[in-house]
Amino acid sequence: MTPRPSASFPVNPQNNDAVIEDSITRVIAGWRATRPDLEVEPIAITARLARLQAVLSPRLEIVFARYGLRGPDFAVIATLVRLAAETVTQRRLASELGLSAGTVSLRIDRLVQRALAERRPDPDDGRGTLVSLTDRGRELFEACAPEHLANAHELLTGLSEPERDQLRQLLGKLLYTLEDPAPRESLVADLGLVLDDAPVALAQRRAVGLPPLTGLLVRHVDPTGPAAAAGIRPGDLLTTADRRPLRNRHDLQLALSQSPRRPRAISLEATRGATPIRLRLTAAQPPRSI
């Protein structure tokens, strides 16, 4: 019989003397002692993310260096391998990597110079370029990737598997709220509106002198869609759905998917300028199969 894995030791046990103290814990404690008027809690996350990046990057680069690569070079190679079943334009590659056209062009230049990748004209776009790996580039990936993944795994062994899963989900959620939404994601088709997540909403409201409330900012409303029928307007801030707070687009989609009503409908609390309003939003019915 396989023994059940033991639970991990908690990060903050009942005994306060055993609480984990990393370098940022000491930074926060110092600020609280020196400037108790400052709300420094956000840096408990942002400063740790920055310091983790500074610690992890050189340890990841050790493996890449053994293959004559840098992390950014490997990212291009890995993306081309991942998209191997597709025709990859330089524009698509820049989009996948979240880079400017100029930056991705320089990275491709380095790979082309080493005969790891090649460019050719895009027959569908007179000014476009198609990018692909050479046999040498694919061989380098197959040699480097297993070692890179093993190295990454070792760097995370300080966390249990459930802790890694939880961290992955939370980091994904945070990144989702900060990244620019892809065109196919930004328009919620069955609602007929385009939304910005809480960080953008806060910045936009602050810019026009409105109270900094958390919610989803309505950027665009399809005049023929369900959102318009519910009375939602561009500039509205959607704060709750069925009394649960809204911080990202996924929260709204989740509220709709969990609605027991048919057709799917949710009660929204919103703010128009500085005025609270209540709305009822009913999603479009999916098309019937014939």
Protein backbone atom coordinates (compact mmCIF):
# COMPACT_ATOMS: atom_id res chain seq x y z
CA MET A 1 0.00 0.00 0.00
CA THR A 2 1.42 3.36 -1.02
CA PRO A 3 1.69 5.72 1.96
CA ARG A 4 -0.19 8.97 1.72
CA PRO A 5 2.07 11.99 1.29
CA SER A 6 2.38 14.03 4.46
CA ALA A 7 1.05 17.56 4.53
CA SER A 8 3.54 20.37 4.05
CA PHE A 9 4.61 22.46 6.97
CA PRO A 10 2.57 25.70 6.99
CA VAL A 11 4.19 28.98 5.98
CA ASN A 12 2.82 30.74 9.07
CA PRO A 13 2.50 28.23 11.92
CA GLN A 14 0.86 29.06 15.25
CA ASN A 15 4.30 29.56 16.78
CA ASN A 16 5.25 33.04 15.57
CA ASP A 17 8.92 32.36 16.24
CA ALA A 18 8.86 29.88 13.35
CA VAL A 19 7.32 32.17 10.72
CA ILE A 20 9.34 32.23 7.48
CA GLU A 21 11.45 35.38 7.23
CA ASP A 22 12.87 36.06 3.79
CA SER A 23 14.68 39.23 2.80
CA ILE A 24 11.44 41.02 1.89
CA THR A 25 9.89 40.20 5.28
CA ARG A 26 12.70 42.18 6.86
CA VAL A 27 12.24 45.02 4.38
CA ILE A 28 8.55 45.29 5.23
CA ALA A 29 9.24 45.15 8.95
CA GLY A 30 11.75 47.97 8.54
CA TRP A 31 9.25 50.14 6.69
CA ARG A 32 6.56 49.51 9.30
CA ALA A 33 8.96 50.61 12.01
CA THR A 34 10.28 53.65 10.12
CA ARG A 35 7.17 54.80 8.25
CA PRO A 36 4.03 53.22 9.73
CA ASP A 37 1.96 55.70 7.70
CA LEU A 38 2.85 53.94 4.42
CA GLU A 39 0.81 50.97 3.22
CA VAL A 40 3.68 48.74 2.16
CA GLU A 41 1.74 45.46 1.95
CA PRO A 42 1.70 45.39 -1.90
CA ILE A 43 5.49 45.06 -2.02
CA ALA A 44 5.13 41.80 -0.12
CA ILE A 45 4.20 40.49 -3.57
CA THR A 46 5.76 42.84 -6.13
CA ALA A 47 9.17 43.03 -4.45
CA ARG A 48 9.26 39.26 -4.02
CA LEU A 49 8.43 38.74 -7.70
CA ALA A 50 11.25 41.11 -8.68
CA ARG A 51 13.72 39.46 -6.32
CA LEU A 52 12.72 35.98 -7.45
CA GLN A 53 13.35 37.01 -11.04
CA ALA A 54 16.80 38.27 -10.06
CA VAL A 55 17.57 35.00 -8.25
CA LEU A 56 16.07 32.59 -10.79
CA SER A 57 17.37 34.11 -14.03
CA PRO A 58 21.10 33.44 -13.53
CA ARG A 59 20.38 29.90 -12.32
CA LEU A 60 18.35 29.21 -15.46
CA GLU A 61 21.01 30.82 -17.65
CA ILE A 62 23.61 28.33 -16.41
CA VAL A 63 21.99 25.58 -18.48
CA PHE A 64 21.48 27.73 -21.58
CA ALA A 65 25.12 28.84 -21.47
CA ARG A 66 26.28 25.24 -21.73
CA TYR A 67 24.62 25.14 -25.15
CA GLY A 68 25.91 28.53 -26.24
CA LEU A 69 22.49 30.13 -25.73
CA ARG A 70 20.87 32.81 -23.64
CA GLY A 71 17.39 32.65 -22.19
CA PRO A 72 15.87 34.95 -24.83
CA ASP A 73 17.40 32.82 -27.62
CA PHE A 74 15.97 29.64 -26.12
CA ALA A 75 12.55 31.29 -25.82
CA VAL A 76 12.49 31.92 -29.59
CA ILE A 77 13.65 28.38 -30.38
CA ALA A 78 11.11 26.84 -27.98
CA THR A 79 8.29 28.92 -29.46
CA LEU A 80 9.18 27.81 -32.99
CA VAL A 81 9.16 24.19 -31.82
CA ARG A 82 5.79 24.67 -30.13
CA LEU A 83 4.32 26.22 -33.29
CA ALA A 84 5.95 23.66 -35.59
CA ALA A 85 2.58 22.63 -37.08
CA GLU A 86 1.89 26.23 -38.16
CA THR A 87 3.36 28.71 -40.56
CA VAL A 88 5.10 31.21 -38.27
CA THR A 89 5.41 34.79 -39.40
CA GLN A 90 7.80 37.13 -37.67
CA ARG A 91 4.76 39.13 -36.54
CA ARG A 92 3.17 36.02 -35.01
CA LEU A 93 6.41 35.17 -33.24
CA ALA A 94 6.58 38.67 -31.73
CA SER A 95 2.99 38.31 -30.52
CA GLU A 96 3.64 34.90 -28.95
CA LEU A 97 6.69 36.21 -27.09
CA GLY A 98 5.12 39.54 -26.12
CA LEU A 99 7.93 41.46 -27.83
CA SER A 100 8.20 44.38 -30.18
CA ALA A 101 8.95 43.70 -33.85
CA GLY A 102 12.43 45.19 -33.48
CA THR A 103 13.34 43.08 -30.47
CA VAL A 104 12.22 39.80 -32.01
CA SER A 105 14.04 40.71 -35.23
CA LEU A 106 17.33 41.06 -33.32
CA ARG A 107 16.79 37.71 -31.63
CA ILE A 108 16.10 36.01 -34.96
CA ASP A 109 19.23 37.66 -36.39
CA ARG A 110 21.35 35.95 -33.74
CA LEU A 111 19.81 32.56 -34.48
CA VAL A 112 20.17 32.99 -38.24
CA GLN A 113 23.85 33.91 -37.84
CA ARG A 114 24.40 30.62 -35.99
CA ALA A 115 22.41 28.64 -38.58
CA LEU A 116 19.80 27.74 -35.94
CA ALA A 117 16.93 29.45 -37.77
CA GLU A 118 16.16 30.77 -41.21
CA ARG A 119 14.01 33.47 -42.75
CA ARG A 120 12.19 33.42 -46.06
CA PRO A 121 9.74 35.81 -47.72
CA ASP A 122 6.09 35.37 -46.84
CA PRO A 123 4.26 34.65 -50.14
CA ASP A 124 1.04 36.06 -48.65
CA ASP A 125 2.62 39.31 -47.47
CA GLY A 126 5.07 41.16 -49.67
CA ARG A 127 6.73 42.81 -46.66
CA GLY A 128 6.38 39.87 -44.26
CA THR A 129 8.83 37.17 -43.26
CA LEU A 130 8.39 33.52 -42.33
CA VAL A 131 10.65 32.05 -39.64
CA SER A 132 11.56 28.40 -39.09
CA LEU A 133 14.17 26.35 -37.30
CA THR A 134 16.94 24.57 -39.13
CA ASP A 135 17.79 20.96 -38.38
CA ARG A 136 20.63 22.23 -36.24
CA GLY A 137 18.22 24.44 -34.29
CA ARG A 138 15.86 21.54 -33.61
CA GLU A 139 18.74 19.32 -32.50
CA LEU A 140 19.92 22.01 -30.10
CA PHE A 141 16.44 22.29 -28.61
CA GLU A 142 16.15 18.53 -28.10
CA ALA A 143 19.49 18.50 -26.32
CA CYS A 144 18.86 21.57 -24.14
CA ALA A 145 15.17 21.28 -23.24
CA PRO A 146 15.31 18.21 -20.94
CA GLU A 147 18.17 19.72 -18.94
CA HIS A 148 16.39 23.09 -18.72
CA LEU A 149 13.17 21.49 -17.48
CA ALA A 150 15.04 19.39 -14.91
CA ASN A 151 16.82 22.52 -13.70
CA ALA A 152 13.53 24.41 -13.40
CA HIS A 153 12.03 21.51 -11.46
CA GLU A 154 14.94 21.54 -9.01
CA LEU A 155 14.54 25.27 -8.42
CA LEU A 156 10.94 24.65 -7.30
CA THR A 157 11.62 21.74 -4.94
CA GLY A 158 11.27 24.05 -1.93
CA LEU A 159 7.50 23.90 -2.55
CA SER A 160 5.28 20.84 -2.37
CA GLU A 161 3.33 19.83 -5.46
CA PRO A 162 0.03 21.30 -4.12
CA GLU A 163 1.87 24.52 -3.27
CA ARG A 164 3.31 24.71 -6.79
CA ASP A 165 -0.16 24.20 -8.25
CA GLN A 166 -1.59 26.97 -6.06
CA LEU A 167 1.26 29.34 -6.92
CA ARG A 168 0.87 28.57 -10.63
CA GLN A 169 -2.84 29.40 -10.49
CA LEU A 170 -2.37 32.62 -8.52
CA LEU A 171 0.46 33.87 -10.74
CA GLY A 172 -1.60 33.01 -13.81
CA LYS A 173 -4.54 34.96 -12.44
CA LEU A 174 -2.37 37.98 -11.66
CA LEU A 175 -0.74 37.90 -15.10
CA TYR A 176 -4.17 37.55 -16.73
CA THR A 177 -5.29 40.81 -15.11
CA LEU A 178 -2.17 42.71 -16.24
CA GLU A 179 -1.59 41.45 -19.77
CA ASP A 180 -3.28 43.13 -22.70
CA PRO A 181 -6.18 40.88 -23.65
CA ALA A 182 -5.88 39.11 -26.97
CA PRO A 183 -8.46 40.26 -29.54
CA ARG A 184 -10.24 36.93 -29.39
CA GLU A 185 -10.53 37.22 -25.58
CA SER A 186 -11.38 40.88 -25.08
CA LEU A 187 -14.83 40.71 -26.66
CA VAL A 188 -17.08 38.45 -24.62
CA ALA A 189 -19.09 37.21 -27.56
CA ASP A 190 -22.19 36.08 -25.73
CA LEU A 191 -22.41 39.37 -23.80
CA GLY A 192 -21.46 41.88 -26.47
CA LEU A 193 -18.97 43.99 -24.55
CA VAL A 194 -15.24 44.58 -24.16
CA LEU A 195 -13.85 44.76 -20.63
CA ASP A 196 -10.67 45.89 -18.92
CA ASP A 197 -9.58 44.16 -15.71
CA ALA A 198 -9.24 45.79 -12.30
CA PRO A 199 -5.70 47.25 -12.63
CA VAL A 200 -6.61 49.10 -15.84
CA ALA A 201 -9.95 50.17 -14.37
CA LEU A 202 -8.29 51.68 -11.31
CA ALA A 203 -5.80 53.62 -13.43
CA GLN A 204 -8.50 54.90 -15.80
CA ARG A 205 -10.77 56.08 -12.99
CA ARG A 206 -7.91 57.77 -11.19
CA ALA A 207 -6.94 59.57 -14.40
CA VAL A 208 -10.36 61.25 -14.63
CA GLY A 209 -10.66 61.99 -10.91
CA LEU A 210 -13.16 59.26 -9.99
CA PRO A 211 -12.98 57.23 -6.76
CA PRO A 212 -10.56 54.29 -7.11
CA LEU A 213 -12.99 51.36 -7.01
CA THR A 214 -12.18 47.76 -7.94
CA GLY A 215 -14.11 46.22 -10.81
CA LEU A 216 -14.28 45.66 -14.56
CA LEU A 217 -14.27 48.73 -16.77
CA VAL A 218 -16.58 48.56 -19.78
CA ARG A 219 -14.57 49.74 -22.78
CA HIS A 220 -17.06 48.97 -25.58
CA VAL A 221 -20.66 47.79 -25.87
CA ASP A 222 -22.14 46.17 -28.96
CA PRO A 223 -25.38 48.14 -29.50
CA THR A 224 -27.14 44.96 -30.61
CA GLY A 225 -25.86 42.68 -27.84
CA PRO A 226 -27.14 41.56 -24.42
CA ALA A 227 -25.00 44.11 -22.53
CA ALA A 228 -26.67 47.00 -24.34
CA ALA A 229 -30.08 45.44 -23.70
CA ALA A 230 -29.22 45.34 -19.98
CA GLY A 231 -28.45 49.06 -20.00
CA ILE A 232 -24.66 48.73 -19.70
CA ARG A 233 -22.73 51.66 -21.15
CA PRO A 234 -19.07 52.29 -21.99
CA GLY A 235 -17.34 53.69 -18.93
CA ASP A 236 -19.46 51.73 -16.44
CA LEU A 237 -17.56 49.89 -13.73
CA LEU A 238 -18.97 46.42 -13.00
CA THR A 239 -18.14 45.69 -9.35
CA THR A 240 -20.05 42.53 -8.41
CA ALA A 241 -21.89 39.68 -10.09
CA ASP A 242 -24.47 37.90 -7.93
CA ARG A 243 -22.86 39.67 -4.94
CA ARG A 244 -19.39 38.33 -5.67
CA PRO A 245 -16.60 40.83 -6.46
CA LEU A 246 -15.36 41.19 -10.03
CA ARG A 247 -11.62 41.67 -10.54
CA ASN A 248 -11.01 40.10 -13.94
CA ARG A 249 -12.93 38.92 -16.98
CA HIS A 250 -12.72 35.34 -15.84
CA ASP A 251 -14.73 36.23 -12.72
CA LEU A 252 -17.61 37.41 -14.91
CA GLN A 253 -17.46 34.35 -17.14
CA LEU A 254 -17.41 32.14 -14.04
CA ALA A 255 -20.46 33.89 -12.60
CA LEU A 256 -22.35 33.27 -15.83
CA SER A 257 -21.29 29.63 -16.04
CA GLN A 258 -22.46 29.02 -12.47
CA SER A 259 -25.78 30.78 -12.88
CA PRO A 260 -28.62 28.34 -12.10
CA ARG A 261 -30.99 30.37 -14.27
CA ARG A 262 -31.89 29.45 -17.84
CA PRO A 263 -31.19 31.44 -19.89
CA ARG A 264 -28.04 32.34 -17.99
CA ALA A 265 -28.52 35.59 -16.10
CA ILE A 266 -26.67 37.45 -13.35
CA SER A 267 -27.37 40.43 -11.14
CA LEU A 268 -24.74 43.13 -11.45
CA GLU A 269 -23.77 45.98 -9.17
CA ALA A 270 -22.04 48.74 -11.09
CA THR A 271 -20.91 52.33 -10.81
CA ARG A 272 -21.64 54.93 -13.46
CA GLY A 273 -19.26 57.76 -12.70
CA ALA A 274 -19.78 57.98 -8.94
CA THR A 275 -23.39 56.71 -8.95
CA PRO A 276 -24.13 53.11 -7.90
CA ILE A 277 -26.55 51.25 -10.19
CA ARG A 278 -28.00 47.74 -10.38
CA LEU A 279 -28.41 45.79 -13.60
CA ARG A 280 -29.53 42.37 -14.73
CA LEU A 281 -27.57 40.81 -17.55
CA THR A 282 -28.81 37.85 -19.58
CA ALA A 283 -26.33 36.09 -21.86
CA ALA A 284 -27.16 35.35 -25.46
CA GLN A 285 -28.55 31.91 -26.08
CA PRO A 286 -26.09 29.58 -27.85
CA PRO A 287 -27.22 28.69 -31.38
CA ARG A 288 -29.26 25.50 -31.65
CA SER A 289 -27.82 22.64 -33.62
CA ILE A 290 -29.84 21.59 -36.63
